[in-house]
Amino acid sequence: MYVLKDVLQKYDLQAKKSLGQNFILDGNLLHKIARTALVGLSPSVVLEVGPGPGGLTQALLEEGVPRLVAVEKDRRCVAALAELKADYPQQLQVLNEDALLFNEQTLGPDICVVANLPYNVSTVLLVKWLKQIKRFSRLTLMFQKEVAERLTARENDAAYGRLSVLTGWLADVSIEMILPPAVFTPSPKVTSALVRVTPKAAPLADVSFQTMERVTAAAFGQRRKMLRSSLKSLGEPEALCAAAGVPVTDRAENVPVDGFCKMAAFLEKMEK
């Protein structure tokens, strides 16, 4: 029987700041997160990144996940998770790997990602997954609340930026829970948020990720400048703005996600 608090003590699993670790130990909360991640889905495989001592891993397994792949960089946690694998030998696979380098293609399609992300690499991991968004049925991820607000921001919001556009282009995003520092061990200095990222049936524009990154980097790289200035590096800022239906005197923060999609589509057409 896998008892989380006993495992923490047995393996001396103190969270490492260098790995961005903050553990959730409340069983009821862990099950609530697991149910939120799985509601309405029957995924062929669930990918958990950074399971740590396995609290959420256990909750997901108890909620009936048929196959769970847990990718954990910390060898101490891998040793602890081996005990949980003994209870679920058919369902659980534990990999001692860096999630930044992990190849999701090995898992096939229809992957449901669930993760209490290390905050120091959370946005890097999200962008990695956005680049292959069609592979996933849903991503349920823990972020700093500030990052969650960037993901859900819309034009003219203070938090609106590149990440807002890249995510909104490919997925529907919602904040499912707000979690205070006290629910984590150790308690971080920030409030956290559980975010659901659901891939759109089709992206808002059929353009490459590289093109969308170029457009948003140019626009938001000089976000206080008008578009006629910030988009100069792409060539013909007036034409790009006309394609998006926005004035050249606007700034990046004023342009909706759909506007950036139209700019990216026009840029690809112009460069063919």
Protein backbone atom coordinates (compact mmCIF):
# COMPACT_ATOMS: atom_id res chain seq x y z
CA MET A 1 0.00 0.00 0.00
CA TYR A 2 1.51 3.30 -1.14
CA VAL A 3 1.25 5.92 1.62
CA LEU A 4 2.56 9.28 0.46
CA LYS A 5 3.76 10.64 3.80
CA ASP A 6 5.58 7.39 4.59
CA VAL A 7 7.30 7.48 1.21
CA LEU A 8 8.45 11.07 1.77
CA GLN A 9 10.03 10.07 5.05
CA LYS A 10 11.51 6.79 3.81
CA TYR A 11 13.28 8.39 0.83
CA ASP A 12 13.95 11.73 2.54
CA LEU A 13 12.19 13.56 -0.27
CA GLN A 14 12.76 17.17 0.54
CA ALA A 15 11.76 19.32 -2.41
CA LYS A 16 14.73 20.67 -4.37
CA LYS A 17 14.62 24.33 -5.32
CA SER A 18 17.02 23.68 -8.20
CA LEU A 19 14.39 21.41 -9.78
CA GLY A 20 11.52 23.80 -9.12
CA GLN A 21 9.82 21.24 -6.88
CA ASN A 22 6.75 22.06 -4.77
CA PHE A 23 4.74 19.01 -3.75
CA ILE A 24 1.00 18.71 -3.12
CA LEU A 25 0.27 16.20 -0.35
CA ASP A 26 -3.47 16.70 0.23
CA GLY A 27 -5.14 13.53 -1.07
CA ASN A 28 -8.54 15.14 -1.58
CA LEU A 29 -7.04 17.97 -3.60
CA LEU A 30 -4.95 15.56 -5.66
CA HIS A 31 -8.04 13.56 -6.57
CA LYS A 32 -9.88 16.76 -7.47
CA ILE A 33 -7.03 17.70 -9.83
CA ALA A 34 -7.04 14.22 -11.35
CA ARG A 35 -10.81 14.30 -11.94
CA THR A 36 -10.55 17.78 -13.47
CA ALA A 37 -7.88 16.52 -15.85
CA LEU A 38 -9.83 13.44 -16.91
CA VAL A 39 -13.45 14.62 -17.00
CA GLY A 40 -15.10 13.79 -20.31
CA LEU A 41 -12.02 11.98 -21.62
CA SER A 42 -11.04 8.36 -22.21
CA PRO A 43 -7.38 8.87 -23.16
CA SER A 44 -5.27 6.00 -24.41
CA VAL A 45 -2.35 7.31 -22.39
CA VAL A 46 -1.75 9.93 -19.73
CA LEU A 47 1.63 11.65 -19.54
CA GLU A 48 2.57 13.09 -16.17
CA VAL A 49 5.62 15.34 -16.01
CA GLY A 50 7.43 15.87 -12.73
CA PRO A 51 5.41 13.46 -10.56
CA GLY A 52 7.77 13.96 -7.61
CA PRO A 53 6.81 11.60 -4.79
CA GLY A 54 3.77 10.38 -6.70
CA GLY A 55 0.77 11.95 -5.01
CA LEU A 56 -0.94 12.99 -8.24
CA THR A 57 0.31 9.80 -9.90
CA GLN A 58 -1.49 7.73 -7.31
CA ALA A 59 -4.67 9.81 -7.63
CA LEU A 60 -4.69 9.40 -11.43
CA LEU A 61 -4.25 5.64 -11.11
CA GLU A 62 -7.00 5.41 -8.51
CA GLU A 63 -9.26 7.36 -10.88
CA GLY A 64 -8.84 4.53 -13.38
CA VAL A 65 -6.23 5.70 -15.89
CA PRO A 66 -5.47 2.68 -18.13
CA ARG A 67 -1.90 3.72 -18.93
CA LEU A 68 0.16 6.35 -17.15
CA VAL A 69 3.67 7.35 -18.19
CA ALA A 70 5.45 9.37 -15.50
CA VAL A 71 8.56 11.29 -16.60
CA GLU A 72 10.72 12.26 -13.63
CA LYS A 73 14.20 13.79 -13.70
CA ASP A 74 14.91 13.37 -9.97
CA ARG A 75 16.34 9.90 -9.28
CA ARG A 76 15.23 10.05 -5.64
CA CYS A 77 11.63 10.28 -6.75
CA VAL A 78 12.07 7.52 -9.31
CA ALA A 79 13.09 5.16 -6.50
CA ALA A 80 9.97 6.10 -4.54
CA LEU A 81 7.73 5.73 -7.59
CA ALA A 82 9.02 2.16 -8.04
CA GLU A 83 6.94 1.25 -4.98
CA LEU A 84 3.83 2.71 -6.59
CA LYS A 85 4.59 0.80 -9.78
CA ALA A 86 4.56 -2.40 -7.74
CA ASP A 87 0.91 -1.67 -6.91
CA TYR A 88 0.07 -0.86 -10.56
CA PRO A 89 2.49 -2.96 -12.65
CA GLN A 90 0.35 -2.92 -15.81
CA GLN A 91 -0.80 0.71 -15.75
CA LEU A 92 2.26 2.67 -14.60
CA GLN A 93 5.52 3.28 -16.44
CA VAL A 94 8.19 5.44 -14.77
CA LEU A 95 10.91 7.04 -16.88
CA ASN A 96 13.96 8.74 -15.39
CA GLU A 97 14.23 11.42 -18.08
CA ASP A 98 14.25 15.18 -18.57
CA ALA A 99 10.81 16.25 -19.82
CA LEU A 100 12.44 18.94 -21.97
CA LEU A 101 14.19 16.19 -23.95
CA PHE A 102 11.46 13.56 -23.81
CA ASN A 103 10.05 12.43 -27.18
CA GLU A 104 6.26 12.42 -26.93
CA GLN A 105 6.03 10.66 -30.30
CA THR A 106 6.91 7.40 -28.56
CA LEU A 107 3.51 7.51 -26.83
CA GLY A 108 1.40 7.68 -29.99
CA PRO A 109 -1.63 9.95 -30.48
CA ASP A 110 -4.39 10.97 -28.05
CA ILE A 111 -2.11 11.88 -25.15
CA CYS A 112 -3.57 13.56 -22.09
CA VAL A 113 -0.91 15.56 -20.25
CA VAL A 114 -1.29 16.21 -16.51
CA ALA A 115 1.45 17.98 -14.63
CA ASN A 116 2.31 20.00 -11.57
CA LEU A 117 4.98 21.71 -13.63
CA PRO A 118 8.33 22.88 -12.29
CA TYR A 119 7.75 26.62 -12.61
CA ASN A 120 11.27 27.31 -13.86
CA VAL A 121 10.58 25.41 -17.11
CA SER A 122 6.79 25.61 -17.33
CA THR A 123 6.50 27.97 -20.32
CA VAL A 124 9.31 26.19 -22.19
CA LEU A 125 7.45 22.90 -21.81
CA LEU A 126 4.17 24.47 -22.88
CA VAL A 127 5.69 25.86 -26.09
CA LYS A 128 7.25 22.45 -26.77
CA TRP A 129 3.79 20.86 -26.54
CA LEU A 130 2.08 23.61 -28.53
CA LYS A 131 4.42 22.82 -31.42
CA GLN A 132 2.91 19.32 -31.58
CA ILE A 133 -0.57 20.18 -30.30
CA LYS A 134 -2.37 17.68 -32.56
CA ARG A 135 -0.80 14.86 -30.57
CA PHE A 136 -2.76 15.78 -27.44
CA SER A 137 -6.37 15.46 -26.39
CA ARG A 138 -5.91 17.83 -23.45
CA LEU A 139 -3.24 19.36 -21.23
CA THR A 140 -4.02 20.10 -17.59
CA LEU A 141 -1.11 22.02 -16.12
CA MET A 142 -0.15 23.83 -12.94
CA PHE A 143 1.38 27.26 -13.47
CA GLN A 144 2.11 30.34 -11.46
CA LYS A 145 -1.10 32.38 -11.49
CA GLU A 146 0.72 35.14 -13.35
CA VAL A 147 1.53 32.76 -16.21
CA ALA A 148 -2.03 31.39 -16.23
CA GLU A 149 -3.32 34.94 -16.65
CA ARG A 150 -0.99 35.43 -19.62
CA LEU A 151 -2.36 32.28 -21.22
CA THR A 152 -5.97 33.38 -20.88
CA ALA A 153 -5.44 37.09 -21.61
CA ARG A 154 -7.07 38.80 -24.56
CA GLU A 155 -6.16 41.94 -26.49
CA ASN A 156 -5.99 45.12 -24.40
CA ASP A 157 -5.38 43.12 -21.21
CA ALA A 158 -2.20 43.97 -19.32
CA ALA A 159 -1.12 40.31 -19.35
CA TYR A 160 -1.62 39.89 -23.12
CA GLY A 161 1.52 38.89 -24.97
CA ARG A 162 3.26 36.35 -27.20
CA LEU A 163 2.23 33.37 -25.10
CA SER A 164 -1.40 34.52 -25.17
CA VAL A 165 -1.36 34.60 -28.97
CA LEU A 166 0.50 31.32 -29.52
CA THR A 167 -1.85 29.49 -27.17
CA GLY A 168 -5.04 31.17 -28.39
CA TRP A 169 -4.14 30.37 -32.00
CA LEU A 170 -4.03 26.63 -31.29
CA ALA A 171 -6.15 25.94 -28.22
CA ASP A 172 -8.94 26.94 -25.89
CA VAL A 173 -7.65 27.79 -22.43
CA SER A 174 -9.39 28.06 -19.07
CA ILE A 175 -8.33 28.44 -15.46
CA GLU A 176 -9.91 25.59 -13.49
CA MET A 177 -8.58 26.22 -9.97
CA ILE A 178 -6.68 28.85 -8.01
CA LEU A 179 -4.40 27.33 -5.39
CA PRO A 180 -2.85 29.29 -2.51
CA PRO A 181 0.79 28.72 -1.52
CA ALA A 182 -0.26 26.82 1.62
CA VAL A 183 -1.38 23.73 -0.33
CA PHE A 184 2.20 23.10 -1.48
CA THR A 185 5.22 21.76 0.40
CA PRO A 186 7.30 23.86 0.63
CA SER A 187 4.99 26.83 0.15
CA PRO A 188 6.02 28.92 -2.86
CA LYS A 189 5.95 32.70 -2.72
CA VAL A 190 3.30 32.84 -5.45
CA THR A 191 -0.29 31.78 -5.96
CA SER A 192 -0.77 28.95 -8.46
CA ALA A 193 -3.44 28.06 -10.99
CA LEU A 194 -4.55 24.84 -12.65
CA VAL A 195 -5.03 25.49 -16.36
CA ARG A 196 -6.85 23.38 -18.94
CA VAL A 197 -5.53 23.61 -22.51
CA THR A 198 -7.81 21.96 -25.08
CA PRO A 199 -6.57 21.82 -28.69
CA LYS A 200 -8.89 23.45 -31.22
CA ALA A 201 -10.35 21.18 -33.89
CA ALA A 202 -8.28 23.28 -36.30
CA PRO A 203 -5.87 26.18 -35.67
CA LEU A 204 -7.22 29.67 -36.32
CA ALA A 205 -4.75 29.88 -39.21
CA ASP A 206 -2.99 27.20 -41.22
CA VAL A 207 0.52 28.59 -40.81
CA SER A 208 3.77 27.25 -39.45
CA PHE A 209 4.73 27.68 -35.81
CA GLN A 210 7.92 29.39 -36.96
CA THR A 211 5.96 32.05 -38.85
CA MET A 212 3.67 32.76 -35.90
CA GLU A 213 6.69 33.03 -33.62
CA ARG A 214 8.33 35.53 -36.01
CA VAL A 215 5.23 37.71 -36.16
CA THR A 216 4.62 37.74 -32.41
CA ALA A 217 8.33 38.21 -31.63
CA ALA A 218 8.49 41.26 -33.88
CA ALA A 219 5.28 42.79 -32.56
CA PHE A 220 5.77 42.15 -28.84
CA GLY A 221 9.57 42.54 -28.89
CA GLN A 222 8.90 46.29 -29.09
CA ARG A 223 5.44 46.29 -27.58
CA ARG A 224 5.41 49.99 -26.70
CA LYS A 225 6.03 50.94 -30.33
CA MET A 226 3.34 51.27 -32.98
CA LEU A 227 3.00 48.37 -35.41
CA ARG A 228 4.35 50.41 -38.32
CA SER A 229 7.64 50.46 -36.43
CA SER A 230 7.68 47.10 -34.61
CA LEU A 231 6.78 45.10 -37.75
CA LYS A 232 9.45 46.69 -39.96
CA SER A 233 11.75 43.68 -39.58
CA LEU A 234 9.12 41.56 -41.37
CA GLY A 235 8.80 43.99 -44.29
CA GLU A 236 5.69 45.92 -45.39
CA PRO A 237 4.11 46.63 -41.99
CA GLU A 238 1.29 48.56 -43.68
CA ALA A 239 0.33 45.49 -45.73
CA LEU A 240 0.49 43.23 -42.67
CA CYS A 241 -1.76 45.55 -40.70
CA ALA A 242 -4.18 45.83 -43.62
CA ALA A 243 -4.38 42.05 -43.79
CA ALA A 244 -5.19 41.94 -40.08
CA GLY A 245 -7.68 44.80 -40.33
CA VAL A 246 -5.88 46.91 -37.72
CA PRO A 247 -4.38 50.43 -37.93
CA VAL A 248 -0.60 50.75 -38.21
CA THR A 249 -0.85 53.11 -35.22
CA ASP A 250 -2.02 50.27 -32.97
CA ARG A 251 0.38 48.42 -30.69
CA ALA A 252 0.78 44.67 -30.34
CA GLU A 253 -1.38 44.61 -27.22
CA ASN A 254 -4.34 45.95 -29.25
CA VAL A 255 -4.30 43.21 -31.89
CA PRO A 256 -6.57 40.17 -31.29
CA VAL A 257 -5.30 36.62 -31.78
CA ASP A 258 -7.19 36.42 -35.06
CA GLY A 259 -5.38 39.53 -36.27
CA PHE A 260 -1.99 37.92 -35.67
CA CYS A 261 -3.22 34.81 -37.49
CA LYS A 262 -4.10 36.94 -40.52
CA MET A 263 -0.70 38.64 -40.39
CA ALA A 264 1.08 35.26 -40.28
CA ALA A 265 -0.97 33.93 -43.18
CA PHE A 266 -0.25 37.05 -45.24
CA LEU A 267 3.47 36.86 -44.42
CA GLU A 268 3.70 33.24 -45.58
CA LYS A 269 1.87 34.11 -48.80
CA MET A 270 4.14 37.13 -49.35
CA GLU A 271 7.31 35.08 -48.87
CA LYS A 272 6.39 32.21 -51.20
